[in-house]
Amino acid sequence: MVSAVHAGETDVLIVVVKRTGDTEYHFDVTLRHADTGWDHYADKGKIRTEDDTILGTRVRYHPHVNEQPFTRSLSGVHIPAEIKRVIIRGYDSVHDDGGQEILMERPQDRGDVIRKTR
């Protein structure tokens, strides 16, 4: 078993974003973290602007020790028209933010899908 200190930070591996409305988006985010159990696990993912405004948060309420990497979704994320790029970042219960994030353009037209892999 990996100790809580050595489990590291959460890395964002893949993001798939679809424009579902005028300013609404759906995100599928794949994260990797060496969860050790309740003492150290990937506890959330956030979608934010380049000036650190939080647009959406997906909280995870339990560890994913035997499910790595794992993908979770977040729907109904409002991204104002003037925001062209967003940052997707993972967080864990020990380090908070850190690890690899993904910066991506938002889809321009309804129904458009963008996939980005780190």
C-alpha atoms as a PDB file:
ATOM      1  CA  MET A   1       0.000   0.000   0.000  1.00  0.00           C
ATOM      2  CA  VAL A   2       1.209   3.523  -0.850  1.00  0.00           C
ATOM      3  CA  SER A   3       1.420   5.942   2.062  1.00  0.00           C
ATOM      4  CA  ALA A   4      -0.686   9.090   2.027  1.00  0.00           C
ATOM      5  CA  VAL A   5       2.399  11.264   1.626  1.00  0.00           C
ATOM      6  CA  HIS A   6       3.603   9.286  -1.394  1.00  0.00           C
ATOM      7  CA  ALA A   7       0.271   8.985  -3.197  1.00  0.00           C
ATOM      8  CA  GLY A   8       1.095  12.183  -5.064  1.00  0.00           C
ATOM      9  CA  GLU A   9      -1.178  14.716  -6.658  1.00  0.00           C
ATOM     10  CA  THR A  10      -4.090  14.269  -9.042  1.00  0.00           C
ATOM     11  CA  ASP A  11      -3.403  14.344 -12.794  1.00  0.00           C
ATOM     12  CA  VAL A  12      -6.016  15.175 -15.422  1.00  0.00           C
ATOM     13  CA  LEU A  13      -5.486  12.755 -18.319  1.00  0.00           C
ATOM     14  CA  ILE A  14      -8.405  13.289 -20.713  1.00  0.00           C
ATOM     15  CA  VAL A  15     -11.155  15.894 -21.069  1.00  0.00           C
ATOM     16  CA  VAL A  16     -14.107  15.629 -23.421  1.00  0.00           C
ATOM     17  CA  VAL A  17     -16.357  18.699 -23.531  1.00  0.00           C
ATOM     18  CA  LYS A  18     -19.584  19.110 -25.465  1.00  0.00           C
ATOM     19  CA  ARG A  19     -21.544  22.312 -25.955  1.00  0.00           C
ATOM     20  CA  THR A  20     -25.132  21.521 -24.969  1.00  0.00           C
ATOM     21  CA  GLY A  21     -26.719  24.987 -25.015  1.00  0.00           C
ATOM     22  CA  ASP A  22     -26.022  28.635 -25.693  1.00  0.00           C
ATOM     23  CA  THR A  23     -23.579  28.843 -22.773  1.00  0.00           C
ATOM     24  CA  GLU A  24     -23.955  25.347 -21.256  1.00  0.00           C
ATOM     25  CA  TYR A  25     -21.381  22.566 -21.483  1.00  0.00           C
ATOM     26  CA  HIS A  26     -20.988  18.905 -20.466  1.00  0.00           C
ATOM     27  CA  PHE A  27     -17.579  17.641 -19.327  1.00  0.00           C
ATOM     28  CA  ASP A  28     -16.212  14.088 -19.025  1.00  0.00           C
ATOM     29  CA  VAL A  29     -12.926  14.198 -17.112  1.00  0.00           C
ATOM     30  CA  THR A  30     -10.510  11.307 -16.619  1.00  0.00           C
ATOM     31  CA  LEU A  31      -8.265  11.584 -13.562  1.00  0.00           C
ATOM     32  CA  ARG A  32      -5.424   9.510 -12.151  1.00  0.00           C
ATOM     33  CA  HIS A  33      -4.348   9.498  -8.519  1.00  0.00           C
ATOM     34  CA  ALA A  34      -2.770   6.799  -6.370  1.00  0.00           C
ATOM     35  CA  ASP A  35      -5.683   6.736  -3.898  1.00  0.00           C
ATOM     36  CA  THR A  36      -4.710   5.022  -0.662  1.00  0.00           C
ATOM     37  CA  GLY A  37      -8.157   5.076   0.945  1.00  0.00           C
ATOM     38  CA  TRP A  38     -10.036   7.631   3.004  1.00  0.00           C
ATOM     39  CA  ASP A  39      -6.795   9.287   4.201  1.00  0.00           C
ATOM     40  CA  HIS A  40      -5.691  10.331   0.685  1.00  0.00           C
ATOM     41  CA  TYR A  41      -7.861  10.273  -2.419  1.00  0.00           C
ATOM     42  CA  ALA A  42      -8.844  12.390  -5.438  1.00  0.00           C
ATOM     43  CA  ASP A  43     -11.748  14.259  -3.897  1.00  0.00           C
ATOM     44  CA  LYS A  44     -12.792  16.716  -6.637  1.00  0.00           C
ATOM     45  CA  GLY A  45     -12.241  18.196 -10.060  1.00  0.00           C
ATOM     46  CA  LYS A  46     -12.766  21.828 -11.042  1.00  0.00           C
ATOM     47  CA  ILE A  47     -13.324  23.737 -14.238  1.00  0.00           C
ATOM     48  CA  ARG A  48     -12.030  27.284 -14.007  1.00  0.00           C
ATOM     49  CA  THR A  49     -11.082  30.278 -16.102  1.00  0.00           C
ATOM     50  CA  GLU A  50      -7.518  31.442 -16.616  1.00  0.00           C
ATOM     51  CA  ASP A  51      -8.124  34.131 -13.965  1.00  0.00           C
ATOM     52  CA  ASP A  52      -9.163  31.407 -11.445  1.00  0.00           C
ATOM     53  CA  THR A  53     -12.933  31.911 -11.541  1.00  0.00           C
ATOM     54  CA  ILE A  54     -14.512  28.544 -10.709  1.00  0.00           C
ATOM     55  CA  LEU A  55     -17.133  27.556 -13.302  1.00  0.00           C
ATOM     56  CA  GLY A  56     -17.906  24.062 -12.015  1.00  0.00           C
ATOM     57  CA  THR A  57     -16.875  21.532  -9.376  1.00  0.00           C
ATOM     58  CA  ARG A  58     -17.444  17.777  -9.277  1.00  0.00           C
ATOM     59  CA  VAL A  59     -16.989  16.451  -5.740  1.00  0.00           C
ATOM     60  CA  ARG A  60     -16.039  12.808  -5.196  1.00  0.00           C
ATOM     61  CA  TYR A  61     -17.280  11.390  -1.923  1.00  0.00           C
ATOM     62  CA  HIS A  62     -15.146   8.241  -1.729  1.00  0.00           C
ATOM     63  CA  PRO A  63     -11.732   6.897  -2.766  1.00  0.00           C
ATOM     64  CA  HIS A  64     -11.123   5.060  -6.042  1.00  0.00           C
ATOM     65  CA  VAL A  65      -8.351   2.725  -4.873  1.00  0.00           C
ATOM     66  CA  ASN A  66      -9.159  -0.034  -7.369  1.00  0.00           C
ATOM     67  CA  GLU A  67     -10.498   2.166 -10.179  1.00  0.00           C
ATOM     68  CA  GLN A  68      -7.595   4.056 -11.762  1.00  0.00           C
ATOM     69  CA  PRO A  69      -7.744   6.070 -13.841  1.00  0.00           C
ATOM     70  CA  PHE A  70     -11.419   6.987 -13.515  1.00  0.00           C
ATOM     71  CA  THR A  71     -13.807   9.217 -15.455  1.00  0.00           C
ATOM     72  CA  ARG A  72     -16.609  11.338 -14.042  1.00  0.00           C
ATOM     73  CA  SER A  73     -19.016  13.790 -15.675  1.00  0.00           C
ATOM     74  CA  LEU A  74     -20.278  17.268 -14.909  1.00  0.00           C
ATOM     75  CA  SER A  75     -23.207  18.757 -16.830  1.00  0.00           C
ATOM     76  CA  GLY A  76     -24.730  22.214 -16.929  1.00  0.00           C
ATOM     77  CA  VAL A  77     -21.454  24.127 -16.674  1.00  0.00           C
ATOM     78  CA  HIS A  78     -22.101  27.744 -17.673  1.00  0.00           C
ATOM     79  CA  ILE A  79     -19.228  29.318 -19.609  1.00  0.00           C
ATOM     80  CA  PRO A  80     -19.800  32.955 -20.537  1.00  0.00           C
ATOM     81  CA  ALA A  81     -19.362  33.762 -24.248  1.00  0.00           C
ATOM     82  CA  GLU A  82     -16.306  35.936 -23.585  1.00  0.00           C
ATOM     83  CA  ILE A  83     -14.397  32.983 -22.060  1.00  0.00           C
ATOM     84  CA  LYS A  84     -12.564  31.139 -24.846  1.00  0.00           C
ATOM     85  CA  ARG A  85     -10.432  28.686 -22.822  1.00  0.00           C
ATOM     86  CA  VAL A  86     -10.889  26.818 -19.550  1.00  0.00           C
ATOM     87  CA  ILE A  87      -8.575  24.895 -17.224  1.00  0.00           C
ATOM     88  CA  ILE A  88      -9.524  21.485 -15.833  1.00  0.00           C
ATOM     89  CA  ARG A  89      -7.710  20.530 -12.645  1.00  0.00           C
ATOM     90  CA  GLY A  90      -7.870  17.655 -10.180  1.00  0.00           C
ATOM     91  CA  TYR A  91      -7.645  17.926  -6.404  1.00  0.00           C
ATOM     92  CA  ASP A  92      -6.947  15.499  -3.595  1.00  0.00           C
ATOM     93  CA  SER A  93      -7.632  15.352   0.115  1.00  0.00           C
ATOM     94  CA  VAL A  94      -3.978  15.933   1.120  1.00  0.00           C
ATOM     95  CA  HIS A  95      -2.430  18.289  -1.458  1.00  0.00           C
ATOM     96  CA  ASP A  96      -5.610  20.078  -2.562  1.00  0.00           C
ATOM     97  CA  ASP A  97      -4.676  21.220  -6.084  1.00  0.00           C
ATOM     98  CA  GLY A  98      -1.632  20.141  -8.018  1.00  0.00           C
ATOM     99  CA  GLY A  99      -0.652  17.583 -10.579  1.00  0.00           C
ATOM    100  CA  GLN A 100      -1.162  17.924 -14.311  1.00  0.00           C
ATOM    101  CA  GLU A 101      -4.051  20.040 -15.561  1.00  0.00           C
ATOM    102  CA  ILE A 102      -5.481  20.544 -19.041  1.00  0.00           C
ATOM    103  CA  LEU A 103      -6.050  23.922 -20.695  1.00  0.00           C
ATOM    104  CA  MET A 104      -8.493  23.717 -23.567  1.00  0.00           C
ATOM    105  CA  GLU A 105     -10.578  25.753 -25.952  1.00  0.00           C
ATOM    106  CA  ARG A 106     -14.323  25.565 -25.455  1.00  0.00           C
ATOM    107  CA  PRO A 107     -16.522  24.267 -28.291  1.00  0.00           C
ATOM    108  CA  GLN A 108     -17.962  27.125 -30.353  1.00  0.00           C
ATOM    109  CA  ASP A 109     -21.185  25.615 -31.703  1.00  0.00           C
ATOM    110  CA  ARG A 110     -23.996  23.644 -30.061  1.00  0.00           C
ATOM    111  CA  GLY A 111     -23.322  19.931 -30.391  1.00  0.00           C
ATOM    112  CA  ASP A 112     -19.590  20.412 -30.986  1.00  0.00           C
ATOM    113  CA  VAL A 113     -17.312  18.088 -29.023  1.00  0.00           C
ATOM    114  CA  ILE A 114     -13.636  18.640 -28.215  1.00  0.00           C
ATOM    115  CA  ARG A 115     -11.398  15.921 -26.776  1.00  0.00           C
ATOM    116  CA  LYS A 116      -7.989  16.714 -25.331  1.00  0.00           C
ATOM    117  CA  THR A 117      -5.483  14.268 -23.925  1.00  0.00           C
ATOM    118  CA  ARG A 118      -2.451  15.155 -21.885  1.00  0.00           C
END
